[in-house]
Amino acid sequence: MTFLVNPPMAIEIETDAGGVPRHMSGEPLVGAVQPVQHWLAEVDWWNQPVRREYWNVLLRGRLMCEIYRDLEQEAWFLQQVHD
């Protein structure tokens, strides 16, 4: 089952030197993450540009989460949780 976080929840992400997520902090989801998939989205959504770097990450080796970094705001968000 997929749980859509609407609106997306602001989270803190620690990355390695290459910008790859390694740890997520966003109660109640806290812990080490392992990247699974990565993609970029750049669209002009009704003249409000959207530039995001998406990641599917495995939290604590058990829970798949879809997170993204808003490249305009330089902020991280949790968008979906898959069980």
Foldseek 3Di string as FASTA:
>chain_A
DKDFDVPWAFWDFDADPVRHTFWIGDPPQTAGKDWDDWDWDWDCDVNNTWTKIWTFIQGPNHKTWIKIQGPVVRTITTTMIDD
